[in-house]
Amino acid sequence: MKIGIQELLVVFIVALVVVGPDKLPYYAKKLGQAFGQFRKYTEEATKDIREGIVEPLNEAQKPLREAMEPVTELEKDIKHNVDDIKKSLSDIGKPVTDESKEPDAVSQEVPEAEADEKASDQTQTA
């Protein structure tokens, strides 16, 4: 929550009217001390919670995480194998293409094969 200059001015004017100009510095000092103590207590409470609860929980979780590492690695391996099997099954029935041949080489081989067949047909008919 951000307080702008206008809000601070309104608070100051209201405090000046309610408390009076003589006692305003005294109450402002007390308010500042109260905020300082509040900040000190919250920092101490945060530190106690971190030392008493969070750090012991992290220490207790550490062996569990180490024990789970092989299981997570096994899970990754199994997922990879399942994905490979799914890919293999999805490729069943699809025509196999020889990726080592270039498309130009394949198209040139077909006319040569047809020419060889035509030549053999012509020799047989003659």
Foldseek 3Di string as FASTA:
>chain_A
DDDDPVNVVVVVVVCCVPVNPVCVVVVVVVVVVVVVVVVVVVVVVVVCCCVPPVVVVVVVCVVVVVVCVVVVVVVVVVVVVVVVVVVVVVCPPPDDDDPVDDPVVVVVVVVVVVVVVVVVVVVVVD
